[in-house]
Amino acid sequence: MVDQTHLLEKPPEGASADWTIAQGWDRYTPEEHAVWDTLYARQIKLLPGRASKAYLRGLDALKLSEGGIPHFDELSERLMKLTGWQVVAVPGLVPDDVFFDHMANRRFVSGNFIRRPDQLDYLEEPDVFHDVFGHVPMLADPVFADYLEAYGRGGLRALELGALKQLSRLYWYTVEFGLVREDGDLRIYGSGIVSSSAESVFALDDPSPNRIGFDLRRVMRTDYRIDDFQQNYFVIPSFDELLRLTIETDFAPLYDEILPLPAIPVAQIVEGDEVIHHGTQAYAMRKR
């Protein structure tokens, strides 16, 4: 559910029919493990008091603090005991139907490469740090794990109904860049935030972006940026409520309702929004 620029058209040589490959853990160099450790150390200083309790519990339960790039087999063994999920390596961005099928069957696809030392702050294609550090701790939470499985099933249906763009916005504004209310405060849980040192601060502290109460129809009509900080963050009341909405909503009539409607532009406030913080948009204006 990210930029499809690097999407492969067919499984490359050495990949299985389902696009999975061996992680190749033994081939990681000391320098690559050091990149993981550098990124981990930087994020772990920022996240207490910022990340959701569910994310931090998952980080601890999966023992990601042990140092070096995690071995997917060991990680999957821990994850399977908690929520029945596993992590599988793929050679890059995979076709949508492959992505959704893995997710619907509780398999989280991850790249097996890691960024170079000069790419610590931005990488166009998600690497193993984004995928594992960013996504996998949330899969240790039973409620969020159920949400991702339901999303995978919904993705396969969205492909049939021609509504992939609308459903991808839901993934973007929850799984990748979601905020949640906890104990009266806002906390981050989206992988694109928790794996980024700059956005971990920007999403909660900067006056520029809007922070808006989550509404399913609103989210599925809202455009997003793939190459910069978000200017809208949507806040769910709880993971239980996110799961409930996903399971109880019949998406087919919802697609019929919103497909003819224009997309809501990035950073726009619309009538009916629960505006938790009306952003100044100062960051967006500086970038023009």
C-alpha atoms as a PDB file:
ATOM      1  CA  MET A   1       0.000   0.000   0.000  1.00  0.00           C
ATOM      2  CA  VAL A   2       2.772   2.384  -0.907  1.00  0.00           C
ATOM      3  CA  ASP A   3       4.193   3.901  -4.073  1.00  0.00           C
ATOM      4  CA  GLN A   4       4.075   1.224  -6.777  1.00  0.00           C
ATOM      5  CA  THR A   5       7.085   2.560  -8.714  1.00  0.00           C
ATOM      6  CA  HIS A   6       9.188  -0.483  -7.856  1.00  0.00           C
ATOM      7  CA  LEU A   7       6.399  -3.025  -8.304  1.00  0.00           C
ATOM      8  CA  LEU A   8       7.555  -6.237  -9.955  1.00  0.00           C
ATOM      9  CA  GLU A   9       5.376  -7.848 -12.618  1.00  0.00           C
ATOM     10  CA  LYS A  10       6.168 -11.490 -11.901  1.00  0.00           C
ATOM     11  CA  PRO A  11       8.066 -13.457  -9.270  1.00  0.00           C
ATOM     12  CA  PRO A  12      11.789 -13.108  -9.969  1.00  0.00           C
ATOM     13  CA  GLU A  13      14.087 -16.068 -10.265  1.00  0.00           C
ATOM     14  CA  GLY A  14      14.371 -17.868  -6.949  1.00  0.00           C
ATOM     15  CA  ALA A  15      11.001 -16.687  -5.610  1.00  0.00           C
ATOM     16  CA  SER A  16       8.128 -19.061  -4.888  1.00  0.00           C
ATOM     17  CA  ALA A  17       4.808 -18.856  -6.712  1.00  0.00           C
ATOM     18  CA  ASP A  18       3.459 -16.789  -3.807  1.00  0.00           C
ATOM     19  CA  TRP A  19       6.398 -14.375  -4.248  1.00  0.00           C
ATOM     20  CA  THR A  20       8.129 -15.352  -1.003  1.00  0.00           C
ATOM     21  CA  ILE A  21      11.895 -15.754  -0.841  1.00  0.00           C
ATOM     22  CA  ALA A  22      14.414 -16.773   1.776  1.00  0.00           C
ATOM     23  CA  GLN A  23      15.353 -13.923   4.078  1.00  0.00           C
ATOM     24  CA  GLY A  24      19.049 -14.708   3.640  1.00  0.00           C
ATOM     25  CA  TRP A  25      19.851 -13.695   7.208  1.00  0.00           C
ATOM     26  CA  ASP A  26      23.352 -15.197   7.017  1.00  0.00           C
ATOM     27  CA  ARG A  27      24.228 -12.824   4.180  1.00  0.00           C
ATOM     28  CA  TYR A  28      23.728  -9.622   6.166  1.00  0.00           C
ATOM     29  CA  THR A  29      27.006  -7.825   6.752  1.00  0.00           C
ATOM     30  CA  PRO A  30      28.147  -6.323  10.055  1.00  0.00           C
ATOM     31  CA  GLU A  31      27.572  -2.900   8.484  1.00  0.00           C
ATOM     32  CA  GLU A  32      23.954  -3.778   7.685  1.00  0.00           C
ATOM     33  CA  HIS A  33      23.323  -5.009  11.214  1.00  0.00           C
ATOM     34  CA  ALA A  34      24.897  -1.768  12.448  1.00  0.00           C
ATOM     35  CA  VAL A  35      22.413   0.266  10.385  1.00  0.00           C
ATOM     36  CA  TRP A  36      19.543  -1.576  12.098  1.00  0.00           C
ATOM     37  CA  ASP A  37      21.089  -0.951  15.517  1.00  0.00           C
ATOM     38  CA  THR A  38      21.575   2.748  14.751  1.00  0.00           C
ATOM     39  CA  LEU A  39      17.966   3.143  13.636  1.00  0.00           C
ATOM     40  CA  TYR A  40      16.686   1.119  16.589  1.00  0.00           C
ATOM     41  CA  ALA A  41      18.661   3.128  19.136  1.00  0.00           C
ATOM     42  CA  ARG A  42      17.422   6.399  17.676  1.00  0.00           C
ATOM     43  CA  GLN A  43      13.776   5.376  17.703  1.00  0.00           C
ATOM     44  CA  ILE A  44      13.754   3.707  21.092  1.00  0.00           C
ATOM     45  CA  LYS A  45      14.778   7.018  22.682  1.00  0.00           C
ATOM     46  CA  LEU A  46      11.836   8.802  21.059  1.00  0.00           C
ATOM     47  CA  LEU A  47       8.958   6.368  21.373  1.00  0.00           C
ATOM     48  CA  PRO A  48       8.249   6.070  25.122  1.00  0.00           C
ATOM     49  CA  GLY A  49       5.472   8.569  25.817  1.00  0.00           C
ATOM     50  CA  ARG A  50       4.772   8.869  22.080  1.00  0.00           C
ATOM     51  CA  ALA A  51       3.994   5.361  20.826  1.00  0.00           C
ATOM     52  CA  SER A  52       0.854   3.478  21.789  1.00  0.00           C
ATOM     53  CA  LYS A  53       0.988   0.970  24.599  1.00  0.00           C
ATOM     54  CA  ALA A  54       0.118  -1.794  22.135  1.00  0.00           C
ATOM     55  CA  TYR A  55       3.135  -0.963  19.996  1.00  0.00           C
ATOM     56  CA  LEU A  56       5.526  -0.809  22.944  1.00  0.00           C
ATOM     57  CA  ARG A  57       4.188  -4.092  24.343  1.00  0.00           C
ATOM     58  CA  GLY A  58       4.757  -5.728  20.971  1.00  0.00           C
ATOM     59  CA  LEU A  59       8.260  -4.355  20.716  1.00  0.00           C
ATOM     60  CA  ASP A  60       9.070  -5.943  24.068  1.00  0.00           C
ATOM     61  CA  ALA A  61       7.232  -9.236  23.473  1.00  0.00           C
ATOM     62  CA  LEU A  62       9.030  -9.825  20.163  1.00  0.00           C
ATOM     63  CA  LYS A  63      12.440  -9.069  21.685  1.00  0.00           C
ATOM     64  CA  LEU A  64      13.460  -6.637  18.951  1.00  0.00           C
ATOM     65  CA  SER A  65      15.984  -5.120  21.332  1.00  0.00           C
ATOM     66  CA  GLU A  66      18.343  -8.079  21.036  1.00  0.00           C
ATOM     67  CA  GLY A  67      20.479  -6.329  18.417  1.00  0.00           C
ATOM     68  CA  GLY A  68      20.953  -6.731  14.696  1.00  0.00           C
ATOM     69  CA  ILE A  69      18.405  -7.419  11.968  1.00  0.00           C
ATOM     70  CA  PRO A  70      15.888  -9.947  13.341  1.00  0.00           C
ATOM     71  CA  HIS A  71      15.793 -13.467  11.937  1.00  0.00           C
ATOM     72  CA  PHE A  72      12.339 -13.929  10.415  1.00  0.00           C
ATOM     73  CA  ASP A  73      12.035 -17.557  11.529  1.00  0.00           C
ATOM     74  CA  GLU A  74      12.654 -16.653  15.169  1.00  0.00           C
ATOM     75  CA  LEU A  75      10.439 -13.576  14.921  1.00  0.00           C
ATOM     76  CA  SER A  76       7.617 -15.607  13.360  1.00  0.00           C
ATOM     77  CA  GLU A  77       7.852 -18.253  16.077  1.00  0.00           C
ATOM     78  CA  ARG A  78       7.271 -15.606  18.747  1.00  0.00           C
ATOM     79  CA  LEU A  79       4.539 -13.903  16.750  1.00  0.00           C
ATOM     80  CA  MET A  80       2.709 -17.151  15.977  1.00  0.00           C
ATOM     81  CA  LYS A  81       2.417 -17.900  19.693  1.00  0.00           C
ATOM     82  CA  LEU A  82       0.893 -14.470  20.311  1.00  0.00           C
ATOM     83  CA  THR A  83      -1.507 -13.912  17.408  1.00  0.00           C
ATOM     84  CA  GLY A  84      -0.945 -16.572  14.742  1.00  0.00           C
ATOM     85  CA  TRP A  85       0.903 -14.234  12.354  1.00  0.00           C
ATOM     86  CA  GLN A  86       4.231 -14.830  10.659  1.00  0.00           C
ATOM     87  CA  VAL A  87       6.703 -12.687   8.730  1.00  0.00           C
ATOM     88  CA  VAL A  88       7.714 -13.738   5.219  1.00  0.00           C
ATOM     89  CA  ALA A  89      10.329 -12.164   2.964  1.00  0.00           C
ATOM     90  CA  VAL A  90       9.487 -10.913  -0.531  1.00  0.00           C
ATOM     91  CA  PRO A  91      11.799  -9.481  -3.207  1.00  0.00           C
ATOM     92  CA  GLY A  92      10.170  -6.052  -3.343  1.00  0.00           C
ATOM     93  CA  LEU A  93       6.721  -4.543  -3.700  1.00  0.00           C
ATOM     94  CA  VAL A  94       4.356  -7.321  -4.758  1.00  0.00           C
ATOM     95  CA  PRO A  95       1.080  -7.189  -6.741  1.00  0.00           C
ATOM     96  CA  ASP A  96      -1.979  -6.137  -4.780  1.00  0.00           C
ATOM     97  CA  ASP A  97      -3.696  -9.526  -4.921  1.00  0.00           C
ATOM     98  CA  VAL A  98      -0.570 -11.216  -3.569  1.00  0.00           C
ATOM     99  CA  PHE A  99      -0.243  -8.623  -0.810  1.00  0.00           C
ATOM    100  CA  PHE A 100      -3.861  -9.028   0.273  1.00  0.00           C
ATOM    101  CA  ASP A 101      -3.827 -12.813   0.090  1.00  0.00           C
ATOM    102  CA  HIS A 102      -0.826 -13.020   2.406  1.00  0.00           C
ATOM    103  CA  MET A 103      -2.441 -10.590   4.823  1.00  0.00           C
ATOM    104  CA  ALA A 104      -5.775 -12.430   4.787  1.00  0.00           C
ATOM    105  CA  ASN A 105      -3.849 -15.554   5.802  1.00  0.00           C
ATOM    106  CA  ARG A 106      -1.882 -13.820   8.573  1.00  0.00           C
ATOM    107  CA  ARG A 107       1.375 -13.586   6.676  1.00  0.00           C
ATOM    108  CA  PHE A 108       3.065 -10.205   6.788  1.00  0.00           C
ATOM    109  CA  VAL A 109       5.274  -9.568   3.769  1.00  0.00           C
ATOM    110  CA  SER A 110       8.559  -7.774   4.397  1.00  0.00           C
ATOM    111  CA  GLY A 111      11.469  -6.672   2.306  1.00  0.00           C
ATOM    112  CA  ASN A 112      14.704  -8.347   3.350  1.00  0.00           C
ATOM    113  CA  PHE A 113      17.107  -5.537   2.428  1.00  0.00           C
ATOM    114  CA  ILE A 114      18.127  -2.643   4.666  1.00  0.00           C
ATOM    115  CA  ARG A 115      18.875   0.923   3.698  1.00  0.00           C
ATOM    116  CA  ARG A 116      22.391   2.289   3.347  1.00  0.00           C
ATOM    117  CA  PRO A 117      23.944   4.451   6.098  1.00  0.00           C
ATOM    118  CA  ASP A 118      23.364   7.558   3.951  1.00  0.00           C
ATOM    119  CA  GLN A 119      19.629   6.776   3.730  1.00  0.00           C
ATOM    120  CA  LEU A 120      18.796   6.761   7.429  1.00  0.00           C
ATOM    121  CA  ASP A 121      16.190   9.511   7.214  1.00  0.00           C
ATOM    122  CA  TYR A 122      14.343   8.682   3.993  1.00  0.00           C
ATOM    123  CA  LEU A 123      13.919   5.671   1.775  1.00  0.00           C
ATOM    124  CA  GLU A 124      11.519   5.490  -1.166  1.00  0.00           C
ATOM    125  CA  GLU A 125      10.940   1.728  -0.974  1.00  0.00           C
ATOM    126  CA  PRO A 126      10.181   0.160   2.438  1.00  0.00           C
ATOM    127  CA  ASP A 127      13.077  -1.851   3.845  1.00  0.00           C
ATOM    128  CA  VAL A 128      13.323  -4.403   6.635  1.00  0.00           C
ATOM    129  CA  PHE A 129      13.506  -1.704   9.310  1.00  0.00           C
ATOM    130  CA  HIS A 130      10.305  -0.026   8.174  1.00  0.00           C
ATOM    131  CA  ASP A 131       8.532  -3.351   7.741  1.00  0.00           C
ATOM    132  CA  VAL A 132       9.692  -5.140  10.876  1.00  0.00           C
ATOM    133  CA  PHE A 133      10.309  -2.353  13.392  1.00  0.00           C
ATOM    134  CA  GLY A 134       7.417  -0.278  12.052  1.00  0.00           C
ATOM    135  CA  HIS A 135       4.725  -2.882  11.413  1.00  0.00           C
ATOM    136  CA  VAL A 136       5.385  -6.113  13.245  1.00  0.00           C
ATOM    137  CA  PRO A 137       5.092  -4.991  16.904  1.00  0.00           C
ATOM    138  CA  MET A 138       1.457  -4.047  16.258  1.00  0.00           C
ATOM    139  CA  LEU A 139       0.818  -7.572  14.973  1.00  0.00           C
ATOM    140  CA  ALA A 140       1.548  -8.839  18.482  1.00  0.00           C
ATOM    141  CA  ASP A 141      -1.655  -7.092  19.612  1.00  0.00           C
ATOM    142  CA  PRO A 142      -4.616  -9.484  19.164  1.00  0.00           C
ATOM    143  CA  VAL A 143      -7.096  -6.777  18.190  1.00  0.00           C
ATOM    144  CA  PHE A 144      -4.845  -5.099  15.648  1.00  0.00           C
ATOM    145  CA  ALA A 145      -3.814  -8.507  14.308  1.00  0.00           C
ATOM    146  CA  ASP A 146      -7.492  -9.237  13.637  1.00  0.00           C
ATOM    147  CA  TYR A 147      -7.869  -5.851  11.943  1.00  0.00           C
ATOM    148  CA  LEU A 148      -5.023  -6.578   9.519  1.00  0.00           C
ATOM    149  CA  GLU A 149      -6.468  -9.971   8.637  1.00  0.00           C
ATOM    150  CA  ALA A 150      -9.868  -8.388   8.011  1.00  0.00           C
ATOM    151  CA  TYR A 151      -8.207  -5.705   5.913  1.00  0.00           C
ATOM    152  CA  GLY A 152      -6.545  -8.369   3.770  1.00  0.00           C
ATOM    153  CA  ARG A 153      -9.880 -10.042   3.090  1.00  0.00           C
ATOM    154  CA  GLY A 154     -11.393  -6.662   2.340  1.00  0.00           C
ATOM    155  CA  GLY A 155      -8.585  -5.870  -0.059  1.00  0.00           C
ATOM    156  CA  LEU A 156      -9.344  -8.908  -2.183  1.00  0.00           C
ATOM    157  CA  ARG A 157     -12.971  -7.785  -2.346  1.00  0.00           C
ATOM    158  CA  ALA A 158     -12.002  -4.196  -3.170  1.00  0.00           C
ATOM    159  CA  LEU A 159     -10.047  -5.452  -6.176  1.00  0.00           C
ATOM    160  CA  GLU A 160     -13.209  -7.112  -7.500  1.00  0.00           C
ATOM    161  CA  LEU A 161     -15.273  -3.965  -6.887  1.00  0.00           C
ATOM    162  CA  GLY A 162     -12.802  -1.503  -8.422  1.00  0.00           C
ATOM    163  CA  ALA A 163     -12.301   0.339  -5.137  1.00  0.00           C
ATOM    164  CA  LEU A 164      -8.640  -0.262  -4.389  1.00  0.00           C
ATOM    165  CA  LYS A 165      -7.773   3.448  -4.225  1.00  0.00           C
ATOM    166  CA  GLN A 166     -10.468   4.070  -1.637  1.00  0.00           C
ATOM    167  CA  LEU A 167      -9.452   1.122   0.523  1.00  0.00           C
ATOM    168  CA  SER A 168      -5.761   1.970   0.242  1.00  0.00           C
ATOM    169  CA  ARG A 169      -6.508   5.296   1.918  1.00  0.00           C
ATOM    170  CA  LEU A 170      -7.806   3.411   4.931  1.00  0.00           C
ATOM    171  CA  TYR A 171      -4.528   1.479   5.147  1.00  0.00           C
ATOM    172  CA  TRP A 172      -2.498   4.648   4.723  1.00  0.00           C
ATOM    173  CA  TYR A 173      -4.260   6.604   7.441  1.00  0.00           C
ATOM    174  CA  THR A 174      -4.359   3.728   9.944  1.00  0.00           C
ATOM    175  CA  VAL A 175      -1.649   1.100   9.445  1.00  0.00           C
ATOM    176  CA  GLU A 176       0.924   3.517   8.051  1.00  0.00           C
ATOM    177  CA  PHE A 177       0.132   6.886   9.637  1.00  0.00           C
ATOM    178  CA  GLY A 178      -2.490   6.358  12.325  1.00  0.00           C
ATOM    179  CA  LEU A 179      -2.880   8.016  15.721  1.00  0.00           C
ATOM    180  CA  VAL A 180      -4.889   6.653  18.651  1.00  0.00           C
ATOM    181  CA  ARG A 181      -6.319   8.168  21.828  1.00  0.00           C
ATOM    182  CA  GLU A 182      -4.864   6.680  25.002  1.00  0.00           C
ATOM    183  CA  ASP A 183      -5.564   7.942  28.501  1.00  0.00           C
ATOM    184  CA  GLY A 184      -6.672  11.294  27.117  1.00  0.00           C
ATOM    185  CA  ASP A 185      -3.573  11.811  24.969  1.00  0.00           C
ATOM    186  CA  LEU A 186      -2.689  11.146  21.339  1.00  0.00           C
ATOM    187  CA  ARG A 187      -0.252   8.340  20.597  1.00  0.00           C
ATOM    188  CA  ILE A 188       1.312   7.056  17.395  1.00  0.00           C
ATOM    189  CA  TYR A 189       0.944   3.520  16.078  1.00  0.00           C
ATOM    190  CA  GLY A 190       1.300   3.830  12.299  1.00  0.00           C
ATOM    191  CA  SER A 191       4.458   2.200  10.961  1.00  0.00           C
ATOM    192  CA  GLY A 192       5.456   5.187   8.845  1.00  0.00           C
ATOM    193  CA  ILE A 193       5.563   7.287  11.998  1.00  0.00           C
ATOM    194  CA  VAL A 194       7.096   4.920  14.544  1.00  0.00           C
ATOM    195  CA  SER A 195       9.938   4.028  12.152  1.00  0.00           C
ATOM    196  CA  SER A 196      10.764   7.685  11.403  1.00  0.00           C
ATOM    197  CA  SER A 197      12.580   9.871  13.921  1.00  0.00           C
ATOM    198  CA  ALA A 198      11.396  13.099  12.342  1.00  0.00           C
ATOM    199  CA  GLU A 199       7.758  12.116  11.868  1.00  0.00           C
ATOM    200  CA  SER A 200       7.565  10.640  15.376  1.00  0.00           C
ATOM    201  CA  VAL A 201       7.951  14.225  16.582  1.00  0.00           C
ATOM    202  CA  PHE A 202       6.091  15.985  13.754  1.00  0.00           C
ATOM    203  CA  ALA A 203       2.922  13.882  14.024  1.00  0.00           C
ATOM    204  CA  LEU A 204       2.316  14.787  17.678  1.00  0.00           C
ATOM    205  CA  ASP A 205       4.122  18.066  18.325  1.00  0.00           C
ATOM    206  CA  ASP A 206       4.201  20.180  15.182  1.00  0.00           C
ATOM    207  CA  PRO A 207       1.387  22.759  14.821  1.00  0.00           C
ATOM    208  CA  SER A 208       1.278  22.325  11.038  1.00  0.00           C
ATOM    209  CA  PRO A 209      -0.810  19.170  10.410  1.00  0.00           C
ATOM    210  CA  ASN A 210      -4.495  18.625  11.064  1.00  0.00           C
ATOM    211  CA  ARG A 211      -5.409  15.997  13.621  1.00  0.00           C
ATOM    212  CA  ILE A 212      -8.926  14.789  12.935  1.00  0.00           C
ATOM    213  CA  GLY A 213     -11.219  12.251  14.583  1.00  0.00           C
ATOM    214  CA  PHE A 214     -11.444   9.065  12.527  1.00  0.00           C
ATOM    215  CA  ASP A 215     -14.438   8.689  10.231  1.00  0.00           C
ATOM    216  CA  LEU A 216     -14.424   5.781   7.782  1.00  0.00           C
ATOM    217  CA  ARG A 217     -16.090   7.560   4.849  1.00  0.00           C
ATOM    218  CA  ARG A 218     -13.974  10.667   5.334  1.00  0.00           C
ATOM    219  CA  VAL A 219     -10.733   8.685   5.421  1.00  0.00           C
ATOM    220  CA  MET A 220     -11.582   6.672   2.323  1.00  0.00           C
ATOM    221  CA  ARG A 221     -12.136   9.876   0.343  1.00  0.00           C
ATOM    222  CA  THR A 222      -8.955  11.647   1.475  1.00  0.00           C
ATOM    223  CA  ASP A 223      -5.854  11.920  -0.692  1.00  0.00           C
ATOM    224  CA  TYR A 224      -2.413  11.503   0.855  1.00  0.00           C
ATOM    225  CA  ARG A 225       1.248  12.270   0.235  1.00  0.00           C
ATOM    226  CA  ILE A 226       3.757   9.474  -0.243  1.00  0.00           C
ATOM    227  CA  ASP A 227       6.890  11.629  -0.325  1.00  0.00           C
ATOM    228  CA  ASP A 228       6.652  13.936   2.688  1.00  0.00           C
ATOM    229  CA  PHE A 229       5.180  14.409   6.144  1.00  0.00           C
ATOM    230  CA  GLN A 230       1.417  13.982   6.321  1.00  0.00           C
ATOM    231  CA  GLN A 231      -0.781  17.051   6.671  1.00  0.00           C
ATOM    232  CA  ASN A 232      -3.743  15.053   7.969  1.00  0.00           C
ATOM    233  CA  TYR A 233      -3.540  12.524  10.781  1.00  0.00           C
ATOM    234  CA  PHE A 234      -6.696  10.637  11.721  1.00  0.00           C
ATOM    235  CA  VAL A 235      -7.213   9.637  15.340  1.00  0.00           C
ATOM    236  CA  ILE A 236      -9.008   6.402  16.220  1.00  0.00           C
ATOM    237  CA  PRO A 237     -10.681   6.178  19.643  1.00  0.00           C
ATOM    238  CA  SER A 238      -9.333   2.638  20.172  1.00  0.00           C
ATOM    239  CA  PHE A 239      -8.169  -0.419  18.273  1.00  0.00           C
ATOM    240  CA  ASP A 240     -11.335  -2.227  19.320  1.00  0.00           C
ATOM    241  CA  GLU A 241     -13.420   0.450  17.613  1.00  0.00           C
ATOM    242  CA  LEU A 242     -11.296   0.305  14.460  1.00  0.00           C
ATOM    243  CA  LEU A 243     -11.797  -3.461  14.284  1.00  0.00           C
ATOM    244  CA  ARG A 244     -15.518  -3.169  14.984  1.00  0.00           C
ATOM    245  CA  LEU A 245     -16.020  -0.658  12.181  1.00  0.00           C
ATOM    246  CA  THR A 246     -14.062  -2.804   9.761  1.00  0.00           C
ATOM    247  CA  ILE A 247     -15.965  -5.989  10.546  1.00  0.00           C
ATOM    248  CA  GLU A 248     -19.453  -4.517  10.843  1.00  0.00           C
ATOM    249  CA  THR A 249     -19.338  -2.259   7.774  1.00  0.00           C
ATOM    250  CA  ASP A 250     -20.636  -3.588   4.459  1.00  0.00           C
ATOM    251  CA  PHE A 251     -18.090  -2.008   2.167  1.00  0.00           C
ATOM    252  CA  ALA A 252     -19.906  -2.680  -1.130  1.00  0.00           C
ATOM    253  CA  PRO A 253     -22.630  -0.021  -0.644  1.00  0.00           C
ATOM    254  CA  LEU A 254     -20.027   2.268   0.902  1.00  0.00           C
ATOM    255  CA  TYR A 255     -17.959   2.044  -2.281  1.00  0.00           C
ATOM    256  CA  ASP A 256     -21.093   2.730  -4.342  1.00  0.00           C
ATOM    257  CA  GLU A 257     -21.614   5.860  -2.278  1.00  0.00           C
ATOM    258  CA  ILE A 258     -18.099   7.304  -2.375  1.00  0.00           C
ATOM    259  CA  LEU A 259     -16.711   6.198  -5.737  1.00  0.00           C
ATOM    260  CA  PRO A 260     -18.578   8.956  -7.658  1.00  0.00           C
ATOM    261  CA  LEU A 261     -17.486  11.618  -5.170  1.00  0.00           C
ATOM    262  CA  PRO A 262     -14.378  13.759  -5.625  1.00  0.00           C
ATOM    263  CA  ALA A 263     -11.360  13.059  -3.445  1.00  0.00           C
ATOM    264  CA  ILE A 264     -10.832  15.368  -0.488  1.00  0.00           C
ATOM    265  CA  PRO A 265      -7.515  17.203  -0.979  1.00  0.00           C
ATOM    266  CA  VAL A 266      -4.606  16.780   1.389  1.00  0.00           C
ATOM    267  CA  ALA A 267      -4.773  19.140   4.394  1.00  0.00           C
ATOM    268  CA  GLN A 268      -8.385  20.205   3.827  1.00  0.00           C
ATOM    269  CA  ILE A 269     -10.878  20.453   6.700  1.00  0.00           C
ATOM    270  CA  VAL A 270     -14.431  19.570   5.685  1.00  0.00           C
ATOM    271  CA  GLU A 271     -17.842  20.010   7.257  1.00  0.00           C
ATOM    272  CA  GLY A 272     -18.509  17.335   9.845  1.00  0.00           C
ATOM    273  CA  ASP A 273     -14.862  16.813  10.820  1.00  0.00           C
ATOM    274  CA  GLU A 274     -14.090  16.324  14.484  1.00  0.00           C
ATOM    275  CA  VAL A 275     -11.146  18.698  14.510  1.00  0.00           C
ATOM    276  CA  ILE A 276      -8.838  17.824  17.355  1.00  0.00           C
ATOM    277  CA  HIS A 277      -6.195  20.227  16.114  1.00  0.00           C
ATOM    278  CA  HIS A 278      -6.649  22.602  13.168  1.00  0.00           C
ATOM    279  CA  GLY A 279      -3.215  22.729  11.599  1.00  0.00           C
ATOM    280  CA  THR A 280      -1.490  25.917  10.594  1.00  0.00           C
ATOM    281  CA  GLN A 281      -0.161  24.244   7.418  1.00  0.00           C
ATOM    282  CA  ALA A 282       3.055  26.184   8.002  1.00  0.00           C
ATOM    283  CA  TYR A 283       5.164  23.171   6.992  1.00  0.00           C
ATOM    284  CA  ALA A 284       3.287  22.724   3.715  1.00  0.00           C
ATOM    285  CA  MET A 285       3.629  26.425   2.909  1.00  0.00           C
ATOM    286  CA  ARG A 286       7.379  26.333   3.548  1.00  0.00           C
ATOM    287  CA  LYS A 287       7.709  23.484   1.064  1.00  0.00           C
ATOM    288  CA  ARG A 288       6.057  25.377  -1.787  1.00  0.00           C
END
